[in-house]
Amino acid sequence: MIANRVCFNCGSSSFVSDRSLGGKMVCSKCGSSAFKNKSSSFLKSKKFVFLAIAIAIFIIVI
């Protein structure tokens, strides 16, 4: 479950449990406790947008 999360600030995927915060997970590089989930669908949708733009440009050129 932790492997699917990345730090919101620096993008790192390495976390440690901070004992002074009651075991709360924090980023080991920047110390932030803000995380976001990795999203493979974002990369797929990004590729889809670029493909659609490339096809549109190709149609306009022809």
Protein backbone atom coordinates (compact mmCIF):
# COMPACT_ATOMS: atom_id res chain seq x y z
CA MET A 1 0.00 0.00 0.00
CA ILE A 2 2.82 2.41 0.78
CA ALA A 3 4.51 1.64 -2.56
CA ASN A 4 1.61 3.31 -4.37
CA ARG A 5 2.18 6.65 -2.64
CA VAL A 6 4.63 9.44 -3.37
CA CYS A 7 5.50 12.60 -1.47
CA PHE A 8 3.48 15.62 -2.57
CA ASN A 9 6.47 17.98 -2.16
CA CYS A 10 9.48 16.13 -3.58
CA GLY A 11 8.01 13.08 -5.36
CA SER A 12 9.99 10.56 -3.31
CA SER A 13 8.53 7.16 -2.50
CA SER A 14 10.63 6.45 0.60
CA PHE A 15 8.87 6.99 3.93
CA VAL A 16 9.71 6.50 7.59
CA SER A 17 7.57 6.32 10.70
CA ASP A 18 8.29 9.36 12.89
CA ARG A 19 8.16 8.33 16.55
CA SER A 20 7.81 11.92 17.79
CA LEU A 21 4.57 12.27 15.80
CA GLY A 22 3.05 9.07 17.18
CA GLY A 23 4.15 6.84 14.32
CA LYS A 24 2.87 9.09 11.55
CA MET A 25 4.45 8.36 8.16
CA VAL A 26 6.69 11.14 6.84
CA CYS A 27 8.92 11.47 3.78
CA SER A 28 12.48 10.48 4.53
CA LYS A 29 13.91 13.12 2.16
CA CYS A 30 11.96 16.29 2.96
CA GLY A 31 10.04 15.37 6.15
CA SER A 32 6.62 16.20 4.73
CA SER A 33 3.56 14.22 5.73
CA ALA A 34 1.59 15.12 2.59
CA PHE A 35 1.24 12.18 0.18
CA LYS A 36 -0.51 11.49 -3.08
CA ASN A 37 -1.20 8.25 -4.86
CA LYS A 38 0.68 7.29 -7.99
CA SER A 39 -1.70 7.25 -10.90
CA SER A 40 -0.97 5.21 -13.98
CA SER A 41 -4.24 6.41 -15.50
CA PHE A 42 -2.83 9.96 -15.51
CA LEU A 43 0.08 8.82 -17.64
CA LYS A 44 -2.27 6.96 -19.97
CA SER A 45 -4.57 9.98 -20.33
CA LYS A 46 -1.56 12.22 -20.92
CA LYS A 47 -0.39 9.94 -23.73
CA PHE A 48 -3.92 9.93 -25.15
CA VAL A 49 -4.00 13.75 -25.22
CA PHE A 50 -0.65 13.93 -27.03
CA LEU A 51 -1.80 11.30 -29.50
CA ALA A 52 -5.01 13.22 -30.18
CA ILE A 53 -3.06 16.46 -30.71
CA ALA A 54 -0.62 14.71 -33.05
CA ILE A 55 -3.48 13.26 -35.11
CA ALA A 56 -5.20 16.66 -35.28
CA ILE A 57 -2.00 18.33 -36.47
CA PHE A 58 -1.44 15.57 -39.03
CA ILE A 59 -4.97 16.05 -40.39
CA ILE A 60 -4.54 19.84 -40.58
CA VAL A 61 -1.22 19.50 -42.44
CA ILE A 62 -2.69 17.12 -45.00
